[in-house]
N, C-alpha and C. Protein backbone atom coordinates (compact mmCIF):
# COMPACT_ATOMS: atom_id res chain seq x y z
N MET A 1 0.65 -1.57 0.28
CA MET A 1 0.07 0.06 -0.60
C MET A 1 0.76 1.36 0.09
N PRO A 2 1.00 2.12 -0.76
CA PRO A 2 1.76 3.71 -1.18
C PRO A 2 1.59 4.09 0.21
N SER A 3 2.61 4.64 0.77
CA SER A 3 2.58 5.74 2.02
C SER A 3 2.27 7.18 1.53
N PRO A 4 1.32 7.43 2.37
CA PRO A 4 0.42 8.60 2.32
C PRO A 4 1.26 10.07 2.11
N TYR A 5 0.72 10.38 0.64
CA TYR A 5 1.25 11.84 0.78
C TYR A 5 1.39 12.56 1.53
N SER A 6 2.69 13.62 1.74
CA SER A 6 2.80 14.87 2.61
C SER A 6 1.69 15.51 3.14
N TYR A 7 0.43 15.75 2.44
CA TYR A 7 -0.62 16.65 2.83
C TYR A 7 -1.76 15.63 2.50
N ARG A 8 -1.64 14.19 2.70
CA ARG A 8 -3.12 13.52 3.12
C ARG A 8 -4.02 13.93 3.43
N LYS A 9 -5.38 14.23 3.24
CA LYS A 9 -6.19 14.72 3.84
C LYS A 9 -8.01 13.68 3.58
N ALA A 10 -8.44 14.01 4.61
CA ALA A 10 -10.30 13.34 4.37
C ALA A 10 -10.62 14.38 4.74
N ARG A 11 -11.44 14.32 3.75
CA ARG A 11 -12.64 15.39 3.22
C ARG A 11 -13.98 14.52 3.52
N GLN A 12 -14.50 15.36 5.13
CA GLN A 12 -15.82 14.90 5.33
C GLN A 12 -16.99 16.00 5.33
N ARG A 13 -17.76 16.02 4.45
CA ARG A 13 -18.65 17.03 4.64
C ARG A 13 -19.82 16.84 5.81
N GLN A 14 -20.47 17.70 6.22
CA GLN A 14 -21.18 17.50 7.08
C GLN A 14 -22.26 16.85 6.30
N MET A 15 -23.48 16.05 7.08
CA MET A 15 -24.46 14.87 6.83
C MET A 15 -23.38 13.75 5.56
N SER A 16 -22.32 14.14 5.27
CA SER A 16 -22.06 13.20 4.25
C SER A 16 -21.34 11.54 5.14
N THR A 17 -21.53 10.84 4.36
CA THR A 17 -21.13 9.25 4.60
C THR A 17 -20.01 8.65 4.01
N SER A 18 -19.28 9.86 3.26
CA SER A 18 -18.16 9.29 2.63
C SER A 18 -16.62 9.74 3.20
N ASP A 19 -15.65 9.50 2.62
CA ASP A 19 -13.81 9.71 3.31
C ASP A 19 -12.92 9.63 2.10
N THR A 20 -12.79 10.55 1.86
CA THR A 20 -11.45 11.19 0.82
C THR A 20 -9.98 10.63 1.24
N SER A 21 -9.42 10.10 1.27
CA SER A 21 -7.70 10.40 1.15
C SER A 21 -7.22 10.38 0.13
N THR A 22 -6.00 11.21 0.30
CA THR A 22 -5.36 11.20 -1.11
C THR A 22 -3.63 10.30 -0.76
N PHE A 23 -3.37 9.82 -2.05
CA PHE A 23 -1.96 9.37 -1.83
C PHE A 23 -0.78 9.82 -2.79
N ASP A 24 0.36 9.62 -2.46
CA ASP A 24 1.40 9.77 -3.77
C ASP A 24 1.30 8.96 -4.54
N SER A 25 0.81 8.67 -5.60
CA SER A 25 1.23 7.45 -6.54
C SER A 25 2.02 7.17 -7.15
N ASN A 26 2.59 8.27 -7.88
CA ASN A 26 3.67 8.24 -8.86
C ASN A 26 4.26 10.00 -8.97
N VAL A 27 5.52 9.82 -9.45
CA VAL A 27 5.88 10.59 -10.07
C VAL A 27 5.41 11.26 -11.59
N CYS A 28 5.10 12.21 -12.09
CA CYS A 28 4.63 13.15 -13.39
C CYS A 28 5.93 12.24 -14.40
N PRO A 29 5.37 12.21 -15.95
CA PRO A 29 6.69 12.25 -16.40
C PRO A 29 7.66 13.22 -16.73
N CYS A 30 7.36 14.57 -15.98
CA CYS A 30 8.70 15.78 -16.84
C CYS A 30 9.19 15.18 -15.23
N GLY A 31 8.52 14.59 -14.03
CA GLY A 31 9.95 14.92 -12.88
C GLY A 31 9.78 15.44 -11.99
N ARG A 32 8.41 16.80 -12.50
CA ARG A 32 8.65 18.11 -11.58
C ARG A 32 6.73 18.34 -10.81
N GLY A 33 6.29 17.25 -11.05
CA GLY A 33 4.71 16.83 -10.26
C GLY A 33 4.64 15.58 -9.89
N ARG A 34 3.28 15.27 -9.44
CA ARG A 34 3.17 14.42 -9.00
C ARG A 34 1.50 13.77 -9.68
N ILE A 35 1.59 12.29 -9.46
CA ILE A 35 0.38 11.45 -9.88
C ILE A 35 -0.26 11.10 -8.27
N LEU A 36 -1.24 11.71 -7.97
CA LEU A 36 -1.90 11.68 -7.15
C LEU A 36 -3.24 10.52 -7.05
N LYS A 37 -3.16 9.64 -6.39
CA LYS A 37 -4.29 8.50 -6.16
C LYS A 37 -5.61 9.20 -4.67
N HIS A 38 -6.73 9.20 -5.55
CA HIS A 38 -7.57 9.20 -4.17
C HIS A 38 -8.63 8.17 -3.75
N VAL A 39 -8.86 8.07 -2.89
CA VAL A 39 -9.37 6.92 -2.66
C VAL A 39 -10.63 7.49 -2.08
N THR A 40 -11.60 7.15 -2.27
CA THR A 40 -13.10 7.65 -1.52
C THR A 40 -14.01 6.05 -0.92
N THR A 41 -13.91 6.12 -0.03
CA THR A 41 -14.57 4.51 0.89
C THR A 41 -15.94 5.60 1.72
N GLN A 42 -17.37 4.71 1.71
CA GLN A 42 -18.23 4.92 1.70
C GLN A 42 -18.57 4.49 3.55
N ASP A 43 -19.33 5.20 4.13
CA ASP A 43 -19.69 4.93 5.88
C ASP A 43 -20.21 3.32 5.79
N ASN A 44 -20.16 2.35 4.83
CA ASN A 44 -21.23 1.13 5.30
C ASN A 44 -20.09 -0.30 4.96
N PRO A 45 -20.60 -1.12 5.08
CA PRO A 45 -19.92 -2.54 5.17
C PRO A 45 -20.09 -3.09 3.35
N TRP A 46 -20.66 -2.23 3.13
CA TRP A 46 -21.28 -3.26 1.89
C TRP A 46 -20.43 -2.54 0.12
N SER A 47 -20.19 -1.20 0.07
CA SER A 47 -19.03 -0.58 -0.74
C SER A 47 -18.05 -0.57 -0.54
N SER A 48 -17.62 -0.47 -2.21
CA SER A 48 -16.34 -0.78 -2.54
C SER A 48 -15.31 0.86 -2.52
N ALA A 49 -14.29 0.75 -2.46
CA ALA A 49 -13.76 1.76 -2.59
C ALA A 49 -13.74 2.29 -4.12
N ASP A 50 -13.93 3.76 -4.20
CA ASP A 50 -13.90 4.42 -5.36
C ASP A 50 -11.86 4.73 -5.65
N ILE A 51 -11.70 4.45 -6.41
CA ILE A 51 -10.44 5.02 -6.54
C ILE A 51 -10.34 5.61 -8.00
N SER A 52 -9.85 6.84 -7.97
CA SER A 52 -9.48 8.14 -8.86
C SER A 52 -7.56 8.76 -8.69
N TYR A 53 -7.86 8.81 -10.64
CA TYR A 53 -6.30 9.20 -10.22
C TYR A 53 -6.19 11.07 -10.70
N GLU A 54 -5.29 11.72 -10.09
CA GLU A 54 -5.10 13.17 -10.53
C GLU A 54 -3.61 13.37 -10.65
N LEU A 55 -3.56 14.01 -12.36
CA LEU A 55 -2.19 14.37 -12.89
C LEU A 55 -1.96 16.06 -12.25
N SER A 56 -1.23 16.01 -11.53
CA SER A 56 -0.77 17.47 -10.17
C SER A 56 0.61 17.81 -10.79
N CYS A 57 0.51 18.15 -12.21
CA CYS A 57 1.54 18.67 -13.18
C CYS A 57 1.44 20.26 -13.96
N ALA A 58 1.34 21.13 -14.07
CA ALA A 58 1.10 22.18 -15.12
C ALA A 58 1.64 21.79 -16.31
N SER A 59 2.77 21.43 -16.02
CA SER A 59 3.15 20.97 -17.67
C SER A 59 2.83 19.86 -17.99
N CYS A 60 2.92 18.94 -17.74
CA CYS A 60 2.66 17.44 -17.78
C CYS A 60 0.87 17.63 -18.41
N GLU A 61 0.25 17.93 -17.67
CA GLU A 61 -0.87 18.56 -18.02
C GLU A 61 -1.07 18.70 -19.46
N VAL A 62 -0.68 19.62 -20.30
CA VAL A 62 -0.74 20.03 -21.03
C VAL A 62 -0.39 18.93 -22.43
N ASP A 63 0.93 18.11 -22.60
CA ASP A 63 0.98 16.60 -23.06
C ASP A 63 0.65 15.43 -22.20
N TRP A 64 -0.15 15.50 -21.52
CA TRP A 64 -0.44 14.20 -20.88
C TRP A 64 -1.80 13.79 -20.66
N MET A 65 -2.67 13.13 -20.31
CA MET A 65 -3.73 12.51 -20.03
C MET A 65 -3.77 11.22 -19.53
N LEU A 66 -5.02 10.70 -18.65
CA LEU A 66 -5.50 9.85 -18.35
C LEU A 66 -6.23 8.62 -19.60
N GLU A 67 -5.78 7.62 -19.75
CA GLU A 67 -6.18 6.98 -20.55
C GLU A 67 -7.62 5.97 -20.08
N SER A 68 -8.66 5.85 -20.80
CA SER A 68 -9.61 5.37 -20.72
C SER A 68 -9.88 4.65 -19.52
N THR A 69 -8.81 3.14 -19.25
CA THR A 69 -8.95 2.43 -18.43
C THR A 69 -8.10 3.04 -17.19
N GLY A 70 -7.67 4.42 -17.00
CA GLY A 70 -7.35 4.97 -15.49
C GLY A 70 -6.03 4.49 -15.01
N VAL A 71 -5.50 3.09 -15.65
CA VAL A 71 -4.11 2.80 -15.33
C VAL A 71 -2.89 3.62 -15.47
N ALA A 72 -3.04 4.35 -16.48
CA ALA A 72 -1.74 5.23 -17.05
C ALA A 72 -2.08 6.26 -17.66
N LEU A 73 -1.15 7.16 -17.87
CA LEU A 73 -1.16 8.50 -18.65
C LEU A 73 -0.63 8.14 -20.17
N VAL A 74 -1.26 9.20 -20.86
CA VAL A 74 -0.66 8.39 -22.24
C VAL A 74 -0.62 9.93 -22.87
N SER A 75 0.33 10.49 -23.68
CA SER A 75 0.48 11.22 -24.85
C SER A 75 -0.72 11.98 -25.38
N ARG A 76 -1.32 13.00 -25.47
CA ARG A 76 -2.16 13.09 -25.53
C ARG A 76 -2.23 13.15 -27.18
N ARG A 77 -1.51 13.72 -27.85
CA ARG A 77 -0.97 14.42 -29.62
C ARG A 77 -1.00 12.53 -29.89
N GLU A 78 -0.58 11.44 -28.80
CA GLU A 78 -0.49 10.08 -30.07
C GLU A 78 -1.45 9.85 -29.67
N GLU A 79 -2.54 9.87 -28.69
CA GLU A 79 -3.68 8.83 -28.75
C GLU A 79 -4.66 9.95 -29.56
N ILE A 80 -4.65 11.38 -29.61
CA ILE A 80 -5.72 11.62 -31.18
C ILE A 80 -5.11 10.87 -31.96
N GLU A 81 -4.09 10.72 -32.21
CA GLU A 81 -3.82 10.28 -33.63
C GLU A 81 -3.94 9.07 -33.92
N SER A 82 -3.96 8.04 -33.05
CA SER A 82 -4.26 6.74 -32.64
C SER A 82 -5.97 6.25 -33.16
N ASN A 83 -6.45 7.52 -32.10
CA ASN A 83 -8.12 7.47 -32.51
C ASN A 83 -8.24 7.65 -33.90
N ALA A 84 -7.66 8.66 -34.38
CA ALA A 84 -8.24 8.76 -35.22
C ALA A 84 -7.62 7.94 -36.55
N ALA A 85 -6.70 6.83 -36.28
CA ALA A 85 -6.27 6.32 -37.40
C ALA A 85 -7.30 4.84 -36.98
N ARG A 86 -7.95 4.81 -35.68
CA ARG A 86 -8.79 3.44 -36.03
C ARG A 86 -10.02 3.93 -36.72
N GLU A 87 -10.13 5.49 -36.26
CA GLU A 87 -11.60 5.67 -37.07
C GLU A 87 -11.33 5.28 -38.76
N VAL A 88 -10.31 5.96 -39.44
CA VAL A 88 -10.40 5.89 -40.17
C VAL A 88 -10.10 3.87 -41.30
N TRP A 89 -9.91 3.13 -39.78
CA TRP A 89 -9.55 2.02 -40.46
C TRP A 89 -11.47 1.10 -40.03
N LEU A 90 -11.86 1.88 -39.20
CA LEU A 90 -13.72 1.29 -38.88
C LEU A 90 -14.19 2.13 -40.06
N GLU A 91 -14.21 3.37 -40.64
CA GLU A 91 -15.46 3.57 -41.76
C GLU A 91 -14.58 2.95 -42.97
N GLY A 92 -13.38 3.14 -42.93
CA GLY A 92 -12.99 1.91 -44.83
C GLY A 92 -13.26 0.82 -44.49
N GLY A 93 -14.02 0.38 -43.92
CA GLY A 93 -14.39 -1.36 -43.50
C GLY A 93 -16.06 -1.26 -44.08
N ARG A 94 -16.46 -0.37 -43.96
CA ARG A 94 -18.11 -0.06 -43.94
C ARG A 94 -18.36 -0.83 -45.51
N PRO A 95 -17.75 -0.22 -46.62
CA PRO A 95 -18.30 -0.48 -47.86
C PRO A 95 -17.69 -2.20 -47.96
N LEU A 96 -16.77 -2.62 -47.45
CA LEU A 96 -16.44 -4.79 -47.42
C LEU A 96 -17.34 -5.26 -46.59
N HIS A 97 -17.97 -4.76 -45.62
CA HIS A 97 -18.76 -5.50 -45.07
C HIS A 97 -19.83 -5.40 -45.18
N GLU A 98 -20.53 -4.80 -46.13
CA GLU A 98 -21.80 -4.39 -46.24
C GLU A 98 -21.46 -5.31 -48.09
N LEU A 99 -20.43 -5.35 -48.45
CA LEU A 99 -20.08 -6.33 -49.73
C LEU A 99 -20.32 -7.92 -49.43
N ALA A 100 -19.67 -8.18 -48.11
CA ALA A 100 -19.21 -9.47 -47.58
C ALA A 100 -20.83 -9.70 -47.02
N GLU A 101 -21.37 -9.18 -46.44
CA GLU A 101 -23.36 -9.24 -46.05
C GLU A 101 -23.96 -9.77 -47.26
N THR A 102 -23.95 -8.97 -48.29
CA THR A 102 -24.46 -9.44 -49.47
C THR A 102 -24.11 -10.34 -50.02
N LEU A 103 -23.13 -10.98 -50.32
CA LEU A 103 -22.24 -12.01 -50.52
C LEU A 103 -22.84 -13.43 -49.58
N VAL A 104 -22.98 -13.18 -48.61
CA VAL A 104 -23.57 -14.00 -47.61
C VAL A 104 -24.76 -14.15 -47.81
N SER A 105 -25.55 -13.66 -47.88
CA SER A 105 -26.96 -13.45 -48.00
C SER A 105 -27.47 -14.35 -48.89
N ARG A 106 -26.89 -13.72 -50.22
CA ARG A 106 -27.17 -14.47 -51.24
C ARG A 106 -26.85 -16.06 -51.61
N TYR A 107 -25.78 -16.32 -50.60
CA TYR A 107 -25.67 -17.60 -50.63
C TYR A 107 -26.29 -18.35 -49.51
N PHE A 108 -26.80 -18.20 -48.75
CA PHE A 108 -27.86 -18.66 -47.92
C PHE A 108 -29.09 -18.47 -48.87
N SER A 109 -29.34 -17.48 -49.49
CA SER A 109 -31.21 -17.61 -50.11
C SER A 109 -30.82 -19.01 -51.13
N ARG A 110 -29.51 -19.27 -51.88
CA ARG A 110 -29.90 -20.09 -52.68
C ARG A 110 -29.15 -21.54 -52.06
N PHE A 111 -29.17 -22.00 -50.77
CA PHE A 111 -28.90 -22.92 -50.07
C PHE A 111 -30.22 -23.53 -49.35
N ALA A 112 -31.03 -22.43 -49.34
CA ALA A 112 -32.40 -22.78 -48.95
C ALA A 112 -32.39 -23.88 -47.88
N ALA A 113 -32.05 -23.53 -47.25
CA ALA A 113 -31.94 -24.69 -45.52
C ALA A 113 -33.21 -25.08 -44.94
N LYS A 114 -33.79 -26.29 -44.89
CA LYS A 114 -34.74 -27.05 -44.37
C LYS A 114 -35.32 -26.91 -42.78
N SER A 115 -34.22 -26.26 -42.16
CA SER A 115 -34.92 -25.40 -41.42
C SER A 115 -33.41 -24.66 -40.67
N LYS A 116 -34.06 -23.81 -39.50
CA LYS A 116 -32.93 -22.83 -38.82
C LYS A 116 -31.78 -23.30 -38.63
N LYS A 117 -31.92 -24.37 -37.48
CA LYS A 117 -30.50 -25.09 -37.26
C LYS A 117 -29.89 -25.75 -38.25
N ALA A 118 -30.62 -26.08 -39.67
CA ALA A 118 -29.28 -26.06 -40.80
C ALA A 118 -28.30 -25.51 -41.19
N GLU A 119 -29.87 -24.10 -40.90
CA GLU A 119 -28.77 -23.02 -41.62
C GLU A 119 -27.38 -22.61 -40.78
N TRP A 120 -27.62 -22.59 -39.21
CA TRP A 120 -26.84 -22.42 -37.69
C TRP A 120 -25.55 -23.43 -38.47
N GLN A 121 -26.50 -24.81 -38.90
CA GLN A 121 -25.26 -25.71 -38.63
C GLN A 121 -23.88 -25.19 -40.16
N GLU A 122 -24.56 -24.71 -41.04
CA GLU A 122 -23.78 -24.49 -42.14
C GLU A 122 -23.20 -23.64 -41.97
N MET A 123 -23.26 -22.74 -41.10
CA MET A 123 -22.48 -21.21 -40.85
C MET A 123 -21.37 -21.83 -39.85
N GLN A 124 -21.49 -22.47 -39.29
CA GLN A 124 -20.22 -23.09 -38.12
C GLN A 124 -19.90 -23.84 -38.69
N ARG A 125 -20.14 -25.07 -39.68
CA ARG A 125 -19.20 -25.82 -40.35
C ARG A 125 -18.44 -24.53 -41.65
N LEU A 126 -18.99 -23.48 -41.99
CA LEU A 126 -18.28 -22.74 -42.60
C LEU A 126 -17.48 -21.69 -42.13
N ASP A 127 -17.80 -21.44 -40.45
CA ASP A 127 -16.35 -21.08 -39.89
C ASP A 127 -16.59 -19.95 -39.59
N ILE A 128 -18.08 -19.17 -40.21
CA ILE A 128 -18.46 -18.01 -40.25
C ILE A 128 -19.62 -17.41 -39.37
N TYR A 129 -19.93 -18.35 -38.40
CA TYR A 129 -20.74 -17.91 -37.20
C TYR A 129 -20.01 -18.62 -35.90
N THR A 130 -19.51 -18.91 -34.94
CA THR A 130 -19.22 -19.13 -33.48
C THR A 130 -20.01 -19.08 -32.66
N SER A 131 -21.23 -18.41 -32.07
CA SER A 131 -22.06 -18.44 -31.08
C SER A 131 -22.82 -19.65 -31.10
N ASN A 132 -24.04 -20.10 -30.32
CA ASN A 132 -24.49 -20.84 -30.50
C ASN A 132 -25.91 -20.51 -30.84
N TYR A 133 -26.48 -21.92 -30.34
CA TYR A 133 -27.90 -21.93 -31.82
C TYR A 133 -28.59 -21.11 -30.53
N ARG A 134 -28.79 -20.89 -29.73
CA ARG A 134 -30.09 -20.10 -29.31
C ARG A 134 -29.75 -18.46 -29.31
N ASN A 135 -28.27 -18.16 -29.66
CA ASN A 135 -28.44 -16.50 -30.00
C ASN A 135 -28.35 -16.77 -31.82
N PHE A 136 -28.09 -17.54 -32.17
CA PHE A 136 -28.56 -17.53 -33.74
C PHE A 136 -29.92 -17.47 -33.69
N LEU A 137 -30.95 -18.28 -33.55
CA LEU A 137 -32.17 -18.00 -33.22
C LEU A 137 -32.88 -16.62 -32.28
N GLN A 138 -32.02 -16.20 -31.49
CA GLN A 138 -32.72 -14.58 -31.44
C GLN A 138 -32.57 -13.77 -32.55
N ASP A 139 -31.06 -13.93 -33.04
CA ASP A 139 -30.90 -12.77 -34.03
C ASP A 139 -31.66 -12.91 -35.43
N ARG A 140 -31.88 -14.47 -35.59
CA ARG A 140 -33.45 -14.54 -36.43
C ARG A 140 -34.52 -13.92 -36.48
N ALA A 141 -35.22 -14.11 -34.80
CA ALA A 141 -36.35 -14.01 -34.38
C ALA A 141 -36.56 -12.60 -34.78
N LYS A 142 -35.32 -11.71 -34.96
CA LYS A 142 -34.97 -10.36 -34.74
C LYS A 142 -35.51 -9.59 -36.24
N GLY A 143 -35.44 -10.81 -37.16
CA GLY A 143 -35.36 -10.24 -38.51
C GLY A 143 -34.10 -10.12 -39.13
N LYS A 144 -33.05 -10.65 -38.48
CA LYS A 144 -31.47 -10.07 -39.19
C LYS A 144 -31.37 -10.79 -40.51
N GLN A 145 -30.87 -10.66 -41.40
CA GLN A 145 -30.79 -11.63 -42.11
C GLN A 145 -29.12 -12.51 -42.16
N PRO A 146 -28.95 -13.70 -42.81
CA PRO A 146 -27.71 -14.55 -42.52
C PRO A 146 -26.30 -13.39 -42.73
N GLY A 147 -26.18 -12.71 -43.56
CA GLY A 147 -25.56 -11.76 -44.16
C GLY A 147 -25.06 -10.86 -42.87
N GLN A 148 -26.21 -10.63 -41.92
CA GLN A 148 -26.13 -9.77 -41.24
C GLN A 148 -25.42 -10.56 -39.39
N ILE A 149 -25.96 -11.52 -39.84
CA ILE A 149 -25.46 -12.47 -38.60
C ILE A 149 -24.45 -12.95 -38.34
N ALA A 150 -23.54 -13.57 -39.61
CA ALA A 150 -22.39 -15.02 -40.09
C ALA A 150 -21.56 -13.52 -40.39
N TYR A 151 -20.16 -13.96 -39.93
CA TYR A 151 -19.30 -13.13 -40.30
C TYR A 151 -18.61 -13.47 -41.69
N GLY A 152 -18.99 -12.98 -42.63
CA GLY A 152 -18.09 -13.84 -43.79
C GLY A 152 -16.93 -13.85 -43.83
N LEU A 153 -15.92 -12.74 -43.33
CA LEU A 153 -14.71 -12.17 -43.59
C LEU A 153 -13.83 -13.41 -42.50
N ARG A 154 -14.12 -14.34 -41.61
CA ARG A 154 -13.51 -15.24 -41.05
C ARG A 154 -12.91 -16.28 -41.96
N ASN A 155 -14.18 -16.74 -43.45
CA ASN A 155 -13.60 -17.46 -44.30
C ASN A 155 -13.50 -16.64 -45.08
N ARG A 156 -12.36 -16.47 -45.23
CA ARG A 156 -11.99 -15.55 -46.49
C ARG A 156 -11.90 -15.81 -48.05
N SER A 157 -11.25 -17.15 -48.22
CA SER A 157 -11.44 -18.36 -49.00
C SER A 157 -12.40 -18.08 -49.66
N TRP A 158 -13.17 -18.99 -48.98
CA TRP A 158 -14.85 -18.96 -48.78
C TRP A 158 -15.45 -17.58 -49.73
N LEU A 159 -15.22 -16.65 -48.85
CA LEU A 159 -15.91 -15.59 -49.42
C LEU A 159 -15.62 -14.99 -50.91
N THR A 160 -14.39 -15.32 -51.10
CA THR A 160 -13.73 -15.08 -52.09
C THR A 160 -14.33 -16.04 -53.38
N ALA A 161 -14.67 -17.09 -53.15
CA ALA A 161 -14.97 -17.90 -54.43
C ALA A 161 -16.48 -17.80 -54.33
N LEU A 162 -17.40 -16.96 -53.67
CA LEU A 162 -18.52 -16.37 -53.41
C LEU A 162 -18.33 -14.93 -54.26
N ALA A 163 -17.65 -13.87 -54.40
CA ALA A 163 -17.37 -12.65 -54.98
C ALA A 163 -16.85 -13.22 -56.66
N LYS A 164 -16.05 -14.12 -56.78
CA LYS A 164 -16.26 -14.77 -57.89
C LYS A 164 -17.04 -15.40 -58.91
N GLU A 165 -17.54 -15.78 -58.45
CA GLU A 165 -19.30 -16.15 -58.81
C GLU A 165 -19.96 -15.52 -59.34
N GLU A 166 -20.12 -14.45 -59.06
CA GLU A 166 -20.58 -13.17 -59.23
C GLU A 166 -19.99 -11.66 -60.11
N GLY A 167 -18.62 -12.32 -60.21
CA GLY A 167 -17.41 -11.21 -60.95
C GLY A 167 -17.11 -9.97 -59.90
N ARG A 168 -16.94 -10.23 -59.12
CA ARG A 168 -16.79 -9.15 -58.21
C ARG A 168 -15.80 -9.39 -57.00
N ASP A 169 -14.93 -10.30 -57.57
CA ASP A 169 -13.13 -11.02 -56.76
C ASP A 169 -12.64 -9.94 -56.90
N SER A 170 -12.97 -9.05 -57.87
CA SER A 170 -11.12 -7.83 -57.84
C SER A 170 -11.68 -6.96 -56.85
N GLU A 171 -12.78 -6.56 -56.67
CA GLU A 171 -13.70 -5.81 -55.83
C GLU A 171 -13.23 -6.07 -54.36
N LEU A 172 -13.52 -7.25 -54.32
CA LEU A 172 -13.34 -7.88 -52.54
C LEU A 172 -11.56 -7.40 -52.33
N ALA A 173 -11.19 -8.36 -53.37
CA ALA A 173 -9.90 -8.29 -52.87
C ALA A 173 -9.09 -6.60 -52.53
N GLY A 174 -9.63 -5.59 -53.72
CA GLY A 174 -9.34 -4.43 -53.08
C GLY A 174 -9.85 -3.73 -51.89
N LEU A 175 -10.93 -3.98 -51.43
CA LEU A 175 -11.69 -3.92 -50.18
C LEU A 175 -10.67 -4.37 -49.21
N ILE A 176 -10.37 -5.93 -49.25
CA ILE A 176 -9.51 -6.03 -48.33
C ILE A 176 -8.47 -5.91 -47.80
N ALA A 177 -7.50 -5.31 -49.14
CA ALA A 177 -6.37 -4.93 -49.06
C ALA A 177 -6.30 -3.22 -48.45
N ALA A 178 -7.22 -2.84 -48.83
CA ALA A 178 -7.72 -1.53 -48.24
C ALA A 178 -7.35 -1.36 -47.06
N TRP A 179 -8.35 -2.11 -46.54
CA TRP A 179 -9.36 -2.85 -45.01
C TRP A 179 -7.68 -2.98 -44.01
N ASP A 180 -7.00 -3.71 -44.60
CA ASP A 180 -5.96 -4.81 -43.82
C ASP A 180 -4.87 -3.60 -43.68
N ALA A 181 -5.01 -2.53 -44.61
CA ALA A 181 -3.80 -1.70 -44.69
C ALA A 181 -4.39 -0.66 -43.89
N SER A 182 -5.35 -0.31 -43.62
CA SER A 182 -5.55 0.87 -42.67
C SER A 182 -5.49 0.17 -40.99
N ARG A 183 -5.81 -1.07 -41.23
CA ARG A 183 -5.78 -1.70 -40.16
C ARG A 183 -4.51 -1.65 -39.36
N ALA A 184 -3.57 -1.92 -40.13
CA ALA A 184 -2.04 -1.93 -39.71
C ALA A 184 -1.26 -0.59 -39.24
N GLU A 185 -2.13 0.22 -40.25
CA GLU A 185 -1.39 1.54 -39.84
C GLU A 185 -2.15 1.92 -38.28
N TRP A 186 -3.26 1.58 -37.83
CA TRP A 186 -3.77 2.01 -36.88
C TRP A 186 -2.98 1.47 -35.68
N GLU A 187 -2.86 0.15 -35.50
CA GLU A 187 -1.97 -0.68 -35.03
C GLU A 187 -0.68 -0.23 -34.68
N ARG A 188 -0.03 0.35 -35.75
CA ARG A 188 1.48 1.16 -35.63
C ARG A 188 1.06 2.11 -35.01
N ALA A 189 -0.15 3.09 -35.13
CA ALA A 189 -0.02 4.50 -34.06
C ALA A 189 -0.36 3.69 -33.00
N GLU A 190 -1.25 2.84 -32.33
CA GLU A 190 -1.60 2.38 -30.96
C GLU A 190 -0.37 1.94 -30.90
N LYS A 191 0.60 1.53 -30.94
CA LYS A 191 1.87 0.84 -30.14
C LYS A 191 3.00 2.28 -30.05
N SER A 192 2.77 3.39 -30.73
CA SER A 192 3.25 4.46 -30.80
C SER A 192 3.24 5.50 -29.94
N VAL A 193 2.07 4.69 -28.97
CA VAL A 193 1.04 6.23 -28.08
C VAL A 193 2.09 5.68 -27.05
N ARG A 194 2.90 6.79 -26.05
CA ARG A 194 3.69 6.75 -24.83
C ARG A 194 2.93 6.56 -23.47
N ARG A 195 3.12 5.68 -22.85
CA ARG A 195 2.39 5.50 -21.82
C ARG A 195 3.36 5.61 -20.67
N TRP A 196 2.29 6.32 -19.27
CA TRP A 196 3.17 6.39 -18.49
C TRP A 196 2.53 5.88 -16.83
N PRO A 197 2.86 4.81 -16.17
CA PRO A 197 2.05 4.08 -15.64
C PRO A 197 1.64 5.54 -14.13
N VAL A 198 0.42 5.30 -14.05
CA VAL A 198 -0.01 5.80 -12.38
C VAL A 198 0.10 5.38 -11.16
N ASN A 199 0.75 4.15 -11.36
CA ASN A 199 1.41 3.75 -10.13
C ASN A 199 2.66 3.42 -9.84
N ARG A 200 3.43 3.70 -8.77
CA ARG A 200 4.63 3.76 -8.75
C ARG A 200 5.36 2.52 -9.01
N ARG A 201 5.94 1.96 -9.94
CA ARG A 201 6.86 0.31 -10.32
C ARG A 201 7.22 0.10 -9.28
N THR A 202 7.58 -0.66 -8.67
CA THR A 202 8.23 -1.64 -7.42
C THR A 202 9.33 -2.28 -8.05
């Protein structure tokens, strides 16, 4: 357990049932400030403690921020760039997923399964649906088409064969290549994001 910071404090307001203590958690990235850990406990035996962190450094606040998980500080600029790259990847995948959905739905229309279970089993055989039969039935009951339920891109060779039958294999290949490239760009951006732990390393 971290030792209390020099100005550890307990905030108790009138009629309040919570108690907040502040601890020195780590030095900030520039070394001139601190990362503070706030622990709030409730005056009852069933509530767990609420933990939050605060970057107490005017210099680092410009370039660093708490990431969404709250376990580290991240570079603001690099995190923004990573998020932007992820959006490009997700948006770029829309036409690819629309084409895959169309191809899969057309396949199952021709397949004409004798029962919903036979349709689910075919999806399982093709490795384009990994959930259980109950979830499959729930999705079908909601009116979802096979292409909306199954993920055709799990079996790219099969999907490519479907696209070739319709003369769209070049289109599919181009969309897949662009999508893979944008994903690789996002992954590179994500790996380049500098992180600083909020808790002191031991």
